[in-house]
Amino acid sequence: MTKRRKPIPRFGTEGQERAFWESMGQDSTGFVDWGGAQRVTLPNLKRSTKTISLRLPQHLLDAVKAAANARDVPYQSLIKVWLQEKVGT
């Protein structure tokens, strides 16, 4: 027996749609049947990162590397996580 799905509302803006799906949390199963979903690969997708150069005092870099080593992650990745947490995006 197929479970009846709720209709997806129409949105005036992308922001309205984003707010709607964010309010759903992690559960969209009332609206979308994910049973037939297939994984896709996007081989031509370009990286959305930009390489920068950042000068840090040696003691600060040493402290970051020690913290990254304690977490068993690359120090550049830890810096990115900390920046994202601080900026809040």
N, C-alpha and C. Protein backbone atom coordinates (compact mmCIF):
# COMPACT_ATOMS: atom_id res chain seq x y z
N MET A 1 0.84 -1.19 0.00
CA MET A 1 0.00 0.00 0.00
C MET A 1 0.88 1.25 0.00
N THR A 2 0.64 2.17 -0.90
CA THR A 2 1.43 3.38 -1.03
C THR A 2 0.96 4.41 -0.01
N LYS A 3 1.90 4.98 0.71
CA LYS A 3 1.57 6.01 1.69
C LYS A 3 1.29 7.32 0.97
N ARG A 4 0.20 7.96 1.32
CA ARG A 4 -0.18 9.22 0.69
C ARG A 4 0.76 10.33 1.15
N ARG A 5 1.32 11.07 0.20
CA ARG A 5 2.26 12.15 0.49
C ARG A 5 1.54 13.49 0.53
N LYS A 6 2.06 14.39 1.35
CA LYS A 6 1.54 15.75 1.41
C LYS A 6 2.01 16.51 0.18
N PRO A 7 1.21 17.40 -0.36
CA PRO A 7 1.68 18.19 -1.51
C PRO A 7 2.74 19.20 -1.06
N ILE A 8 3.74 19.40 -1.89
CA ILE A 8 4.77 20.40 -1.60
C ILE A 8 4.19 21.76 -1.97
N PRO A 9 4.20 22.71 -1.02
CA PRO A 9 3.62 24.03 -1.32
C PRO A 9 4.41 24.78 -2.38
N ARG A 10 3.79 25.76 -2.99
CA ARG A 10 4.47 26.64 -3.94
C ARG A 10 5.09 27.78 -3.14
N PHE A 11 6.29 28.18 -3.56
CA PHE A 11 7.03 29.22 -2.85
C PHE A 11 7.25 30.41 -3.75
N GLY A 12 7.18 31.60 -3.17
CA GLY A 12 7.42 32.81 -3.94
C GLY A 12 8.89 33.11 -4.14
N THR A 13 9.71 32.68 -3.17
CA THR A 13 11.14 32.95 -3.25
C THR A 13 11.92 31.72 -2.79
N GLU A 14 13.18 31.70 -3.14
CA GLU A 14 14.05 30.62 -2.69
C GLU A 14 14.19 30.65 -1.17
N GLY A 15 14.18 31.85 -0.60
CA GLY A 15 14.28 31.99 0.85
C GLY A 15 13.10 31.35 1.56
N GLN A 16 11.90 31.50 1.02
CA GLN A 16 10.72 30.87 1.59
C GLN A 16 10.83 29.36 1.53
N GLU A 17 11.30 28.84 0.41
CA GLU A 17 11.47 27.40 0.27
C GLU A 17 12.52 26.89 1.25
N ARG A 18 13.63 27.59 1.36
CA ARG A 18 14.68 27.19 2.29
C ARG A 18 14.14 27.16 3.73
N ALA A 19 13.39 28.19 4.12
CA ALA A 19 12.83 28.25 5.47
C ALA A 19 11.88 27.09 5.71
N PHE A 20 11.07 26.75 4.70
CA PHE A 20 10.13 25.64 4.84
C PHE A 20 10.86 24.33 5.09
N TRP A 21 11.87 24.02 4.25
CA TRP A 21 12.57 22.75 4.40
C TRP A 21 13.41 22.71 5.67
N GLU A 22 13.96 23.87 6.07
CA GLU A 22 14.72 23.91 7.32
C GLU A 22 13.80 23.66 8.52
N SER A 23 12.58 24.12 8.44
CA SER A 23 11.63 23.91 9.55
C SER A 23 11.23 22.44 9.68
N MET A 24 11.43 21.66 8.61
CA MET A 24 11.08 20.24 8.62
C MET A 24 12.13 19.42 9.36
N GLY A 25 13.29 20.02 9.65
CA GLY A 25 14.37 19.26 10.28
C GLY A 25 14.94 18.28 9.29
N GLN A 26 15.11 17.05 9.70
CA GLN A 26 15.71 16.03 8.85
C GLN A 26 14.66 15.15 8.18
N ASP A 27 13.38 15.41 8.41
CA ASP A 27 12.36 14.49 7.92
C ASP A 27 11.52 15.11 6.79
N SER A 28 11.81 14.70 5.56
CA SER A 28 11.02 15.15 4.41
C SER A 28 10.17 14.02 3.86
N THR A 29 10.11 12.90 4.58
CA THR A 29 9.43 11.71 4.07
C THR A 29 7.93 11.90 3.91
N GLY A 30 7.36 12.88 4.58
CA GLY A 30 5.93 13.15 4.40
C GLY A 30 5.64 13.78 3.05
N PHE A 31 6.66 14.32 2.41
CA PHE A 31 6.49 15.02 1.14
C PHE A 31 7.12 14.32 -0.04
N VAL A 32 8.20 13.57 0.20
CA VAL A 32 8.98 12.97 -0.88
C VAL A 32 9.15 11.49 -0.61
N ASP A 33 8.96 10.66 -1.64
CA ASP A 33 9.21 9.23 -1.52
C ASP A 33 10.65 8.97 -1.92
N TRP A 34 11.51 8.77 -0.92
CA TRP A 34 12.93 8.57 -1.17
C TRP A 34 13.25 7.12 -1.50
N GLY A 35 12.25 6.24 -1.52
CA GLY A 35 12.48 4.83 -1.81
C GLY A 35 13.04 4.58 -3.19
N GLY A 36 12.72 5.41 -4.15
CA GLY A 36 13.20 5.22 -5.52
C GLY A 36 14.37 6.11 -5.87
N ALA A 37 14.92 6.80 -4.88
CA ALA A 37 16.03 7.72 -5.14
C ALA A 37 17.28 6.96 -5.56
N GLN A 38 18.05 7.57 -6.42
CA GLN A 38 19.31 6.99 -6.87
C GLN A 38 20.43 7.99 -6.64
N ARG A 39 21.61 7.47 -6.30
CA ARG A 39 22.78 8.33 -6.12
C ARG A 39 23.22 8.86 -7.49
N VAL A 40 23.68 10.09 -7.50
CA VAL A 40 24.20 10.68 -8.73
C VAL A 40 25.63 11.12 -8.50
N THR A 41 26.39 11.16 -9.56
CA THR A 41 27.73 11.72 -9.50
C THR A 41 27.77 12.93 -10.42
N LEU A 42 28.49 13.92 -9.99
CA LEU A 42 28.61 15.15 -10.76
C LEU A 42 30.08 15.35 -11.11
N PRO A 43 30.54 14.69 -12.18
CA PRO A 43 31.98 14.69 -12.48
C PRO A 43 32.53 16.04 -12.90
N ASN A 44 31.70 16.94 -13.38
CA ASN A 44 32.19 18.23 -13.86
C ASN A 44 31.98 19.36 -12.85
N LEU A 45 31.63 18.98 -11.62
CA LEU A 45 31.39 19.98 -10.58
C LEU A 45 32.72 20.62 -10.18
N LYS A 46 32.75 21.94 -10.21
CA LYS A 46 33.96 22.68 -9.87
C LYS A 46 34.02 22.91 -8.36
N ARG A 47 35.24 22.91 -7.82
CA ARG A 47 35.42 23.18 -6.41
C ARG A 47 34.96 24.59 -6.10
N SER A 48 34.32 24.73 -4.97
CA SER A 48 33.83 26.06 -4.59
C SER A 48 34.71 26.68 -3.50
N THR A 49 35.95 26.22 -3.40
CA THR A 49 36.86 26.79 -2.42
C THR A 49 37.88 27.67 -3.11
N LYS A 50 38.44 28.56 -2.35
CA LYS A 50 39.44 29.49 -2.86
C LYS A 50 40.68 29.35 -2.00
N THR A 51 41.83 29.22 -2.61
CA THR A 51 43.09 29.12 -1.90
C THR A 51 43.52 30.51 -1.45
N ILE A 52 43.89 30.61 -0.17
CA ILE A 52 44.38 31.88 0.36
C ILE A 52 45.72 31.66 1.05
N SER A 53 46.42 32.74 1.28
CA SER A 53 47.65 32.71 2.05
C SER A 53 47.40 33.48 3.33
N LEU A 54 47.77 32.88 4.46
CA LEU A 54 47.51 33.49 5.75
C LEU A 54 48.76 33.41 6.61
N ARG A 55 49.25 34.53 7.06
CA ARG A 55 50.45 34.55 7.90
C ARG A 55 50.02 34.49 9.36
N LEU A 56 50.57 33.50 10.08
CA LEU A 56 50.27 33.33 11.50
C LEU A 56 51.58 33.33 12.29
N PRO A 57 51.52 33.82 13.53
CA PRO A 57 52.71 33.69 14.37
C PRO A 57 53.01 32.20 14.59
N GLN A 58 54.28 31.85 14.66
CA GLN A 58 54.67 30.44 14.78
C GLN A 58 54.03 29.78 15.99
N HIS A 59 53.95 30.49 17.13
CA HIS A 59 53.36 29.87 18.33
C HIS A 59 51.88 29.55 18.12
N LEU A 60 51.17 30.40 17.36
CA LEU A 60 49.75 30.13 17.09
C LEU A 60 49.60 28.93 16.16
N LEU A 61 50.42 28.87 15.13
CA LEU A 61 50.36 27.73 14.22
C LEU A 61 50.70 26.44 14.95
N ASP A 62 51.69 26.49 15.85
CA ASP A 62 52.04 25.30 16.63
C ASP A 62 50.88 24.85 17.50
N ALA A 63 50.18 25.81 18.10
CA ALA A 63 49.03 25.48 18.94
C ALA A 63 47.89 24.87 18.12
N VAL A 64 47.65 25.40 16.94
CA VAL A 64 46.61 24.86 16.06
C VAL A 64 46.98 23.44 15.64
N LYS A 65 48.23 23.23 15.28
CA LYS A 65 48.67 21.89 14.86
C LYS A 65 48.56 20.90 16.01
N ALA A 66 48.87 21.34 17.23
CA ALA A 66 48.74 20.44 18.39
C ALA A 66 47.28 20.08 18.63
N ALA A 67 46.39 21.06 18.51
CA ALA A 67 44.96 20.80 18.70
C ALA A 67 44.44 19.85 17.62
N ALA A 68 44.89 20.06 16.38
CA ALA A 68 44.47 19.18 15.28
C ALA A 68 45.00 17.77 15.49
N ASN A 69 46.25 17.66 15.94
CA ASN A 69 46.84 16.35 16.19
C ASN A 69 46.06 15.61 17.29
N ALA A 70 45.65 16.32 18.32
CA ALA A 70 44.87 15.70 19.40
C ALA A 70 43.53 15.19 18.90
N ARG A 71 42.99 15.83 17.86
CA ARG A 71 41.69 15.42 17.30
C ARG A 71 41.87 14.48 16.11
N ASP A 72 43.11 14.25 15.72
CA ASP A 72 43.45 13.38 14.59
C ASP A 72 42.82 13.87 13.29
N VAL A 73 42.95 15.19 13.06
CA VAL A 73 42.46 15.79 11.81
C VAL A 73 43.56 16.68 11.25
N PRO A 74 43.55 16.96 9.96
CA PRO A 74 44.52 17.90 9.40
C PRO A 74 44.30 19.31 9.98
N TYR A 75 45.39 20.02 10.22
CA TYR A 75 45.24 21.34 10.85
C TYR A 75 44.49 22.32 9.97
N GLN A 76 44.62 22.21 8.64
CA GLN A 76 43.88 23.11 7.76
C GLN A 76 42.37 22.88 7.89
N SER A 77 41.98 21.62 8.03
CA SER A 77 40.56 21.30 8.20
C SER A 77 40.04 21.85 9.52
N LEU A 78 40.84 21.74 10.56
CA LEU A 78 40.43 22.27 11.86
C LEU A 78 40.26 23.79 11.80
N ILE A 79 41.17 24.46 11.12
CA ILE A 79 41.06 25.91 10.97
C ILE A 79 39.75 26.26 10.25
N LYS A 80 39.41 25.51 9.19
CA LYS A 80 38.16 25.76 8.46
C LYS A 80 36.95 25.57 9.36
N VAL A 81 36.97 24.51 10.17
CA VAL A 81 35.84 24.25 11.08
C VAL A 81 35.71 25.39 12.08
N TRP A 82 36.82 25.80 12.67
CA TRP A 82 36.78 26.88 13.66
C TRP A 82 36.30 28.18 13.03
N LEU A 83 36.75 28.49 11.83
CA LEU A 83 36.30 29.71 11.16
C LEU A 83 34.80 29.66 10.89
N GLN A 84 34.34 28.51 10.42
CA GLN A 84 32.92 28.39 10.13
C GLN A 84 32.08 28.51 11.38
N GLU A 85 32.54 27.92 12.48
CA GLU A 85 31.82 28.04 13.75
C GLU A 85 31.76 29.49 14.21
N LYS A 86 32.88 30.19 14.07
CA LYS A 86 32.95 31.59 14.52
C LYS A 86 32.07 32.49 13.66
N VAL A 87 32.10 32.27 12.35
CA VAL A 87 31.30 33.10 11.44
C VAL A 87 29.82 32.75 11.55
N GLY A 88 29.54 31.47 11.81
CA GLY A 88 28.17 31.04 12.00
C GLY A 88 27.41 30.72 10.73
N THR A 89 28.11 30.24 9.69
CA THR A 89 27.42 29.88 8.46
C THR A 89 27.35 28.40 8.29
